Amino acid sequence: MTFGLAFLLGLIVMPALVYLAGRYTLGAYAHGTVQETHGVFSLFLDFFKGLVEPRPSCWVVLLGPFVFLTFVRLCRLILRKV
């Protein structure tokens, strides 16, 4: 269950957050269309293509929440034993 929720977070929420952070700091998405409403969908399309092609950056975004959650659990386990 935890892996599924972390997977969904990495699949849906993280690319949207990457888009928002990039839009705020860098401007319009380079592969996006002229209309701003399609920019995030262009990023999602490129993200899913990157998962199929296997681009490491896309896989880091996808697995990032699960790795972070595992790291936090490991730290909690270590602190309980100390």
N, C-alpha and C. Protein backbone atom coordinates (compact mmCIF):
# COMPACT_ATOMS: atom_id res chain seq x y z
N MET A 1 0.83 -1.19 0.00
CA MET A 1 0.00 0.00 0.00
C MET A 1 0.87 1.25 0.00
N THR A 2 1.90 1.26 0.84
CA THR A 2 2.78 2.42 0.90
C THR A 2 3.51 2.62 -0.42
N PHE A 3 3.98 1.53 -1.01
CA PHE A 3 4.66 1.65 -2.29
C PHE A 3 3.71 2.19 -3.36
N GLY A 4 2.47 1.75 -3.35
CA GLY A 4 1.49 2.21 -4.32
C GLY A 4 1.21 3.70 -4.19
N LEU A 5 1.05 4.17 -2.96
CA LEU A 5 0.82 5.60 -2.75
C LEU A 5 2.04 6.43 -3.14
N ALA A 6 3.22 5.96 -2.79
CA ALA A 6 4.45 6.67 -3.17
C ALA A 6 4.63 6.65 -4.68
N PHE A 7 4.25 5.54 -5.31
CA PHE A 7 4.33 5.44 -6.76
C PHE A 7 3.38 6.43 -7.44
N LEU A 8 2.15 6.52 -6.95
CA LEU A 8 1.20 7.48 -7.50
C LEU A 8 1.66 8.91 -7.28
N LEU A 9 2.24 9.18 -6.12
CA LEU A 9 2.77 10.50 -5.84
C LEU A 9 3.88 10.85 -6.83
N GLY A 10 4.76 9.90 -7.10
CA GLY A 10 5.84 10.13 -8.05
C GLY A 10 5.36 10.20 -9.49
N LEU A 11 4.27 9.54 -9.79
CA LEU A 11 3.74 9.50 -11.15
C LEU A 11 2.90 10.73 -11.50
N ILE A 12 2.17 11.26 -10.53
CA ILE A 12 1.24 12.34 -10.82
C ILE A 12 1.66 13.67 -10.19
N VAL A 13 1.97 13.65 -8.91
CA VAL A 13 2.20 14.90 -8.18
C VAL A 13 3.60 15.47 -8.46
N MET A 14 4.62 14.62 -8.43
CA MET A 14 5.99 15.12 -8.60
C MET A 14 6.22 15.80 -9.95
N PRO A 15 5.77 15.24 -11.08
CA PRO A 15 5.96 15.96 -12.34
C PRO A 15 5.25 17.32 -12.36
N ALA A 16 4.08 17.39 -11.72
CA ALA A 16 3.38 18.67 -11.65
C ALA A 16 4.16 19.68 -10.81
N LEU A 17 4.76 19.22 -9.71
CA LEU A 17 5.58 20.11 -8.88
C LEU A 17 6.85 20.54 -9.62
N VAL A 18 7.44 19.63 -10.39
CA VAL A 18 8.61 19.97 -11.20
C VAL A 18 8.22 21.03 -12.22
N TYR A 19 7.06 20.87 -12.83
CA TYR A 19 6.58 21.85 -13.81
C TYR A 19 6.38 23.22 -13.16
N LEU A 20 5.72 23.24 -12.00
CA LEU A 20 5.47 24.51 -11.33
C LEU A 20 6.76 25.20 -10.91
N ALA A 21 7.70 24.44 -10.39
CA ALA A 21 8.98 25.03 -9.98
C ALA A 21 9.74 25.55 -11.19
N GLY A 22 9.74 24.79 -12.27
CA GLY A 22 10.41 25.24 -13.48
C GLY A 22 9.74 26.44 -14.11
N ARG A 23 8.44 26.45 -14.09
CA ARG A 23 7.69 27.58 -14.65
C ARG A 23 7.97 28.85 -13.87
N TYR A 24 8.05 28.72 -12.55
CA TYR A 24 8.30 29.87 -11.70
C TYR A 24 9.73 30.40 -11.87
N THR A 25 10.70 29.50 -11.94
CA THR A 25 12.10 29.94 -11.97
C THR A 25 12.65 30.13 -13.38
N LEU A 26 12.24 29.29 -14.33
CA LEU A 26 12.84 29.30 -15.66
C LEU A 26 11.94 29.86 -16.76
N GLY A 27 10.65 29.94 -16.51
CA GLY A 27 9.73 30.41 -17.53
C GLY A 27 9.00 29.25 -18.17
N ALA A 28 8.52 29.47 -19.40
CA ALA A 28 7.71 28.48 -20.10
C ALA A 28 8.50 27.20 -20.37
N TYR A 29 7.79 26.08 -20.42
CA TYR A 29 8.40 24.79 -20.69
C TYR A 29 8.86 24.75 -22.14
N ALA A 30 10.07 24.32 -22.39
CA ALA A 30 10.69 24.39 -23.71
C ALA A 30 9.94 23.58 -24.76
N HIS A 31 9.42 22.42 -24.40
CA HIS A 31 8.71 21.60 -25.37
C HIS A 31 7.21 21.84 -25.36
N GLY A 32 6.75 22.75 -24.52
CA GLY A 32 5.32 23.02 -24.42
C GLY A 32 4.82 23.81 -25.61
N THR A 33 3.53 23.85 -25.76
CA THR A 33 2.93 24.61 -26.84
C THR A 33 2.87 26.08 -26.47
N VAL A 34 2.44 26.89 -27.39
CA VAL A 34 2.38 28.33 -27.16
C VAL A 34 1.35 28.64 -26.08
N GLN A 35 0.24 27.95 -26.07
CA GLN A 35 -0.78 28.19 -25.06
C GLN A 35 -0.30 27.64 -23.72
N GLU A 36 -0.45 28.42 -22.68
CA GLU A 36 0.05 28.04 -21.37
C GLU A 36 -0.71 26.86 -20.77
N THR A 37 -1.94 26.64 -21.18
CA THR A 37 -2.72 25.57 -20.57
C THR A 37 -2.21 24.20 -20.97
N HIS A 38 -1.47 24.10 -22.07
CA HIS A 38 -0.98 22.81 -22.52
C HIS A 38 0.44 22.51 -22.07
N GLY A 39 1.10 23.44 -21.41
CA GLY A 39 2.48 23.24 -21.00
C GLY A 39 2.68 22.08 -20.05
N VAL A 40 1.82 21.97 -19.06
CA VAL A 40 1.96 20.89 -18.09
C VAL A 40 1.67 19.53 -18.74
N PHE A 41 0.75 19.51 -19.70
CA PHE A 41 0.45 18.25 -20.38
C PHE A 41 1.60 17.83 -21.28
N SER A 42 2.30 18.78 -21.85
CA SER A 42 3.49 18.47 -22.64
C SER A 42 4.58 17.88 -21.76
N LEU A 43 4.72 18.42 -20.55
CA LEU A 43 5.70 17.87 -19.63
C LEU A 43 5.33 16.45 -19.22
N PHE A 44 4.04 16.21 -18.94
CA PHE A 44 3.62 14.85 -18.60
C PHE A 44 3.88 13.88 -19.75
N LEU A 45 3.61 14.31 -20.97
CA LEU A 45 3.87 13.45 -22.13
C LEU A 45 5.36 13.13 -22.23
N ASP A 46 6.22 14.14 -22.08
CA ASP A 46 7.67 13.91 -22.11
C ASP A 46 8.11 13.03 -20.94
N PHE A 47 7.48 13.20 -19.79
CA PHE A 47 7.82 12.39 -18.62
C PHE A 47 7.50 10.92 -18.86
N PHE A 48 6.32 10.64 -19.39
CA PHE A 48 5.93 9.25 -19.66
C PHE A 48 6.78 8.64 -20.76
N LYS A 49 7.15 9.45 -21.77
CA LYS A 49 8.07 8.96 -22.80
C LYS A 49 9.41 8.61 -22.18
N GLY A 50 9.86 9.44 -21.25
CA GLY A 50 11.13 9.19 -20.57
C GLY A 50 11.12 7.93 -19.72
N LEU A 51 9.96 7.58 -19.18
CA LEU A 51 9.86 6.33 -18.42
C LEU A 51 9.96 5.13 -19.34
N VAL A 52 9.40 5.25 -20.54
CA VAL A 52 9.44 4.14 -21.49
C VAL A 52 10.81 4.01 -22.13
N GLU A 53 11.47 5.14 -22.39
CA GLU A 53 12.76 5.13 -23.09
C GLU A 53 13.92 4.65 -22.23
N PRO A 54 14.03 4.45 -21.16
CA PRO A 54 14.36 4.78 -19.78
C PRO A 54 15.39 5.90 -19.61
N ARG A 55 14.90 7.07 -19.30
CA ARG A 55 15.76 8.20 -18.94
C ARG A 55 15.90 8.22 -17.42
N PRO A 56 17.13 8.26 -16.92
CA PRO A 56 17.34 8.23 -15.46
C PRO A 56 16.63 9.36 -14.72
N SER A 57 16.58 10.55 -15.30
CA SER A 57 15.94 11.68 -14.61
C SER A 57 14.46 11.42 -14.35
N CYS A 58 13.78 10.80 -15.28
CA CYS A 58 12.36 10.49 -15.10
C CYS A 58 12.17 9.42 -14.03
N TRP A 59 13.06 8.45 -14.00
CA TRP A 59 12.95 7.40 -12.99
C TRP A 59 13.27 7.92 -11.60
N VAL A 60 14.17 8.89 -11.51
CA VAL A 60 14.46 9.50 -10.20
C VAL A 60 13.23 10.23 -9.68
N VAL A 61 12.54 10.95 -10.56
CA VAL A 61 11.32 11.65 -10.17
C VAL A 61 10.25 10.65 -9.74
N LEU A 62 10.11 9.57 -10.48
CA LEU A 62 9.09 8.56 -10.17
C LEU A 62 9.36 7.85 -8.85
N LEU A 63 10.60 7.44 -8.62
CA LEU A 63 10.93 6.66 -7.43
C LEU A 63 11.36 7.51 -6.24
N GLY A 64 11.51 8.82 -6.44
CA GLY A 64 11.95 9.71 -5.38
C GLY A 64 11.12 9.65 -4.11
N PRO A 65 9.79 9.73 -4.19
CA PRO A 65 9.00 9.66 -2.95
C PRO A 65 9.17 8.35 -2.19
N PHE A 66 9.26 7.24 -2.91
CA PHE A 66 9.45 5.94 -2.24
C PHE A 66 10.82 5.87 -1.58
N VAL A 67 11.85 6.33 -2.26
CA VAL A 67 13.20 6.31 -1.69
C VAL A 67 13.26 7.23 -0.47
N PHE A 68 12.64 8.39 -0.55
CA PHE A 68 12.62 9.31 0.59
C PHE A 68 11.88 8.69 1.78
N LEU A 69 10.74 8.07 1.51
CA LEU A 69 9.98 7.42 2.57
C LEU A 69 10.77 6.28 3.21
N THR A 70 11.46 5.51 2.40
CA THR A 70 12.29 4.42 2.92
C THR A 70 13.43 4.97 3.77
N PHE A 71 14.04 6.07 3.33
CA PHE A 71 15.12 6.71 4.09
C PHE A 71 14.61 7.20 5.45
N VAL A 72 13.43 7.82 5.47
CA VAL A 72 12.86 8.30 6.74
C VAL A 72 12.57 7.14 7.67
N ARG A 73 12.03 6.06 7.13
CA ARG A 73 11.75 4.88 7.96
C ARG A 73 13.04 4.28 8.52
N LEU A 74 14.07 4.23 7.71
CA LEU A 74 15.36 3.71 8.15
C LEU A 74 15.94 4.58 9.25
N CYS A 75 15.84 5.89 9.11
CA CYS A 75 16.34 6.80 10.16
C CYS A 75 15.56 6.62 11.45
N ARG A 76 14.24 6.48 11.36
CA ARG A 76 13.44 6.24 12.55
C ARG A 76 13.82 4.94 13.23
N LEU A 77 14.08 3.90 12.45
CA LEU A 77 14.49 2.62 13.01
C LEU A 77 15.83 2.74 13.73
N ILE A 78 16.76 3.45 13.13
CA ILE A 78 18.09 3.63 13.74
C ILE A 78 17.95 4.44 15.03
N LEU A 79 17.12 5.50 15.01
CA LEU A 79 16.97 6.32 16.21
C LEU A 79 16.26 5.57 17.35
N ARG A 80 15.38 4.64 17.03
CA ARG A 80 14.73 3.84 18.05
C ARG A 80 15.72 2.91 18.75
N LYS A 81 16.69 2.42 18.00
CA LYS A 81 17.66 1.49 18.56
C LYS A 81 18.76 2.19 19.33
N VAL A 82 18.90 3.49 19.16
CA VAL A 82 19.96 4.24 19.86
C VAL A 82 19.50 4.65 21.22
